[in-house]
Protein backbone atom coordinates (compact mmCIF):
# COMPACT_ATOMS: atom_id res chain seq x y z
CA MET A 1 75.19 74.33 203.65
CA SER A 2 71.44 73.52 203.18
CA ARG A 3 70.12 71.21 200.41
CA LYS A 4 68.43 74.29 198.78
CA ALA A 5 71.81 76.28 198.73
CA ARG A 6 73.60 73.15 197.26
CA TYR A 7 70.78 73.04 194.54
CA VAL A 8 71.36 76.68 193.87
CA SER A 9 75.34 76.06 193.49
CA ILE A 10 74.85 73.25 191.20
CA ILE A 11 72.61 75.35 188.97
CA ILE A 12 74.97 78.15 188.91
CA ILE A 13 77.87 75.79 188.04
CA ILE A 14 75.91 74.09 185.28
CA SER A 15 74.82 77.55 183.97
CA GLY A 16 78.35 78.71 183.85
CA LEU A 17 79.46 75.56 182.02
CA LEU A 18 76.73 75.89 179.43
CA ALA A 19 77.49 79.53 178.83
CA ALA A 20 81.10 78.72 178.43
CA LEU A 21 80.44 75.96 175.86
CA LEU A 22 78.04 78.12 173.89
CA MET A 23 80.93 81.02 173.87
CA HIS A 24 83.29 78.35 172.55
CA TYR A 25 80.92 77.35 169.73
CA PHE A 26 80.36 81.16 168.89
CA TYR A 27 84.00 81.93 168.68
CA SER A 28 85.35 78.73 167.18
CA PHE A 29 85.37 77.42 163.62
CA ASP A 30 85.22 80.92 161.96
CA GLN A 31 81.85 81.29 163.67
CA GLN A 32 80.26 79.05 161.01
CA GLN A 33 79.37 76.02 163.08
CA PHE A 34 76.83 77.37 165.51
CA CYS A 35 74.92 80.73 165.24
CA PHE A 36 71.92 81.59 167.28
CA PHE A 37 70.34 83.93 164.84
CA GLY A 38 71.61 82.46 161.61
CA LYS A 39 74.60 83.31 159.38
CA GLN A 40 75.36 86.14 157.16
CA THR A 41 77.24 85.42 153.79
CA SER A 42 79.18 88.07 152.05
CA TYR A 43 82.12 88.42 149.67
CA HIS A 44 85.18 90.78 149.31
CA SER A 45 87.87 91.11 146.62
CA ASP A 46 91.09 89.57 147.96
CA THR A 47 93.65 91.87 146.18
CA LYS A 48 96.44 90.26 147.73
CA ARG A 49 95.80 87.08 145.87
CA SER A 50 95.42 88.84 142.50
CA TYR A 51 97.14 87.32 139.50
CA TRP A 52 97.76 87.87 135.78
CA VAL A 53 96.36 85.84 133.03
CA ASN A 54 96.55 85.98 129.28
CA LYS A 55 93.70 87.54 127.31
CA GLY A 56 92.88 86.29 123.80
CA THR A 57 94.83 83.84 121.58
CA GLN A 58 98.23 85.74 121.94
CA HIS A 59 99.99 84.30 124.88
CA SER A 60 102.76 86.17 126.77
CA ASN A 61 105.29 84.63 129.18
CA ILE A 62 103.75 86.05 132.22
CA PRO A 63 106.68 86.06 134.78
CA ARG A 64 109.03 87.34 132.13
CA THR A 65 106.56 90.13 131.17
CA ILE A 66 106.00 91.06 134.95
CA LYS A 67 109.71 91.39 135.24
CA SER A 68 110.03 93.53 132.21
CA CYS A 69 107.05 95.75 133.12
CA GLN A 70 108.25 96.30 136.54
CA LYS A 71 111.65 97.55 135.10
CA GLU A 72 109.64 99.89 133.04
CA SER A 73 107.62 101.08 135.76
CA ASP A 74 110.71 101.63 138.04
CA GLY A 75 112.05 103.72 135.19
CA ALA A 76 108.75 105.71 134.79
CA GLY A 77 109.06 106.39 138.71
CA ASP A 78 112.69 107.51 138.45
CA LEU A 79 111.86 109.85 135.58
CA MET A 80 109.02 111.56 137.44
CA PHE A 81 111.26 112.10 140.38
CA SER A 82 113.98 113.63 138.18
CA LEU A 83 111.30 116.04 136.73
CA TYR A 84 110.10 116.94 139.97
CA GLU A 85 113.56 117.37 141.33
CA ASN A 86 114.67 119.51 138.29
CA LEU A 87 111.65 121.74 138.64
CA CYS A 88 112.37 122.22 142.38
CA ARG A 89 116.00 122.99 141.97
CA ASP A 90 115.94 125.13 138.81
CA GLY A 91 112.44 126.25 138.53
CA GLN A 92 112.08 124.92 134.91
CA PHE A 93 112.86 121.82 132.99
CA SER A 94 116.22 121.33 131.30
CA ASP A 95 116.47 120.77 127.61
CA LYS A 96 117.05 117.00 128.16
CA LEU A 97 114.10 116.54 130.23
CA LYS A 98 111.48 118.85 128.34
CA PRO A 99 110.31 116.17 125.78
CA GLN A 100 109.63 113.61 128.70
CA ALA A 101 107.75 116.32 130.62
CA ARG A 102 105.63 117.14 127.51
CA THR A 103 104.89 113.44 126.89
CA ILE A 104 103.66 113.22 130.58
CA VAL A 105 101.58 116.26 130.28
CA GLN A 106 99.92 114.87 127.04
CA THR A 107 99.23 111.47 128.45
CA TYR A 108 99.22 110.93 132.18
CA PHE A 109 98.08 114.43 133.44
CA SER A 110 95.81 114.76 130.38
CA ASP A 111 94.12 111.41 131.10
CA PHE A 112 93.90 112.40 134.95
CA SER A 113 92.06 115.78 134.03
CA ASN A 114 89.78 113.94 131.60
CA ASN A 115 88.42 111.84 134.53
CA LEU A 116 87.39 114.93 136.51
CA ILE A 117 83.73 115.57 136.40
CA ASP A 118 83.97 119.38 136.43
CA ASP A 119 84.77 120.73 132.94
CA GLY A 120 86.25 123.88 134.52
CA GLY A 121 88.58 121.73 136.63
CA ARG A 122 89.58 119.72 133.55
CA ARG A 123 90.69 122.90 131.54
CA LYS A 124 92.43 124.57 134.58
CA ASN A 125 94.57 121.43 135.20
CA LEU A 126 96.19 121.83 131.72
CA GLN A 127 96.59 125.64 131.56
CA GLY A 128 99.88 127.36 131.15
CA SER A 129 103.38 125.91 130.60
CA ASP A 130 104.52 122.37 131.40
CA GLU A 131 106.17 123.57 134.41
CA ASP A 132 102.98 125.28 135.62
CA ILE A 133 101.04 121.96 134.97
CA PHE A 134 103.59 119.98 136.93
CA ARG A 135 103.54 122.46 139.91
CA ARG A 136 99.78 122.39 139.98
CA PHE A 137 99.84 118.45 140.26
CA MET A 138 102.52 118.80 142.84
CA SER A 139 101.01 121.47 144.97
CA MET A 140 97.32 120.44 144.83
CA GLY A 141 96.20 123.16 142.35
CA ASP A 142 98.51 126.05 142.81
CA PRO A 143 100.96 126.66 140.21
CA SER A 144 102.92 129.48 141.76
CA GLN A 145 106.60 128.85 142.43
CA THR A 146 106.25 130.53 145.97
CA SER A 147 103.04 128.64 147.08
CA LYS A 148 103.42 126.88 150.59
CA SER A 149 102.21 123.60 149.08
CA PHE A 150 104.87 123.68 146.39
CA THR A 151 107.67 124.65 148.77
CA GLU A 152 106.79 121.95 151.19
CA ALA A 153 106.52 119.30 148.21
CA CYS A 154 110.08 120.34 147.13
CA ARG A 155 111.38 119.33 150.58
CA TYR A 156 111.11 115.84 149.34
CA PHE A 157 112.54 116.16 145.81
CA ALA A 158 115.24 118.82 146.56
CA PRO A 159 115.87 118.61 150.43
CA ARG A 160 117.72 121.26 152.24
CA ASN A 161 120.63 120.39 154.44
CA GLY A 162 120.17 116.78 153.26
CA VAL A 163 117.02 116.33 155.29
CA ARG A 164 114.16 115.00 153.00
CA GLU A 165 110.66 115.52 154.27
CA ALA A 166 108.09 113.15 152.79
CA ARG A 167 104.53 114.74 152.06
CA PRO A 168 102.13 111.87 151.34
CA TRP A 169 100.53 113.52 148.29
CA VAL A 170 103.91 113.93 146.63
CA VAL A 171 104.88 110.29 147.18
CA ILE A 172 101.59 109.15 146.03
CA SER A 173 101.79 111.11 142.90
CA VAL A 174 105.08 109.39 141.83
CA ALA A 175 103.82 105.92 143.03
CA PHE A 176 100.53 106.59 140.83
CA TYR A 177 102.52 107.13 137.67
CA SER A 178 104.67 104.10 138.12
CA ASP A 179 101.66 101.92 138.86
CA ARG A 180 99.93 103.17 135.71
CA THR A 181 103.03 102.52 133.55
CA PHE A 182 103.06 98.99 135.01
CA SER A 183 99.40 98.31 134.15
CA GLN A 184 99.70 99.79 130.60
CA CYS A 185 102.94 97.61 130.01
CA MET A 186 100.91 94.43 131.10
CA THR A 187 97.85 95.44 129.06
CA GLU A 188 99.97 95.81 125.98
CA HIS A 189 101.11 92.26 126.36
CA ASN A 190 97.56 91.14 126.30
CA LEU A 191 97.43 90.38 130.17
CA VAL A 192 94.56 91.20 132.44
CA LYS A 193 94.53 91.19 136.27
CA LYS A 194 92.06 88.89 137.97
CA ILE A 195 91.11 89.68 141.48
CA PRO A 196 89.41 86.61 143.35
CA ASP A 197 86.27 86.99 145.38
CA VAL A 198 86.36 85.56 148.84
CA LYS A 199 83.22 84.17 150.47
CA TYR A 200 83.00 84.38 154.17
CA SER A 201 80.29 84.05 156.72
CA TYR A 202 79.70 85.46 160.23
CA CYS A 203 77.06 85.09 162.84
CA LYS A 204 74.11 87.47 162.86
CA GLY A 205 73.35 89.53 166.00
CA ILE A 206 69.96 90.39 167.41
CA GLY A 207 67.84 92.56 165.03
CA TRP A 208 70.13 91.94 162.02
């Protein structure tokens, strides 16, 4: 090998080592130790690390309140499931469940409708009997007992041949009511949820 060829080989080896070293710095230490084009800092809400704190002068026992509100939330989810199941099986609410259905219409469904931007949509959501209103929320707007979306929703609450078919929007509607009940319960005990902001940095690229 000639002297020139050896020099070229040495230069290539050194260049490769330098490139590997730079890559190590770029991908190590959360990319915060070495950035060619500077760093960008941002924040995001860390919902997984959220926590409850007392608000005002009246203090609640937070662990005990969480346990109590969770029990109330589970009960609300069970109630909503029973109402949907009753509606799917019998087409109307039983005398025992009618008062609970009326309460949900006047609170949960009414609040949901009031948050809609369209005035016509707010009025339409709460038209008809309580059964119509529940079916409308179950089937994404269609209160008919024979609508395809209502029939599909009922495969979750009143499965045929023991096979339960979950529809995402149906499961979510029960979960939303449970979550709302939990949050309201915590608020009634003068507790407020805190969600911390997490700071993180990353290297800018060319042109950023």
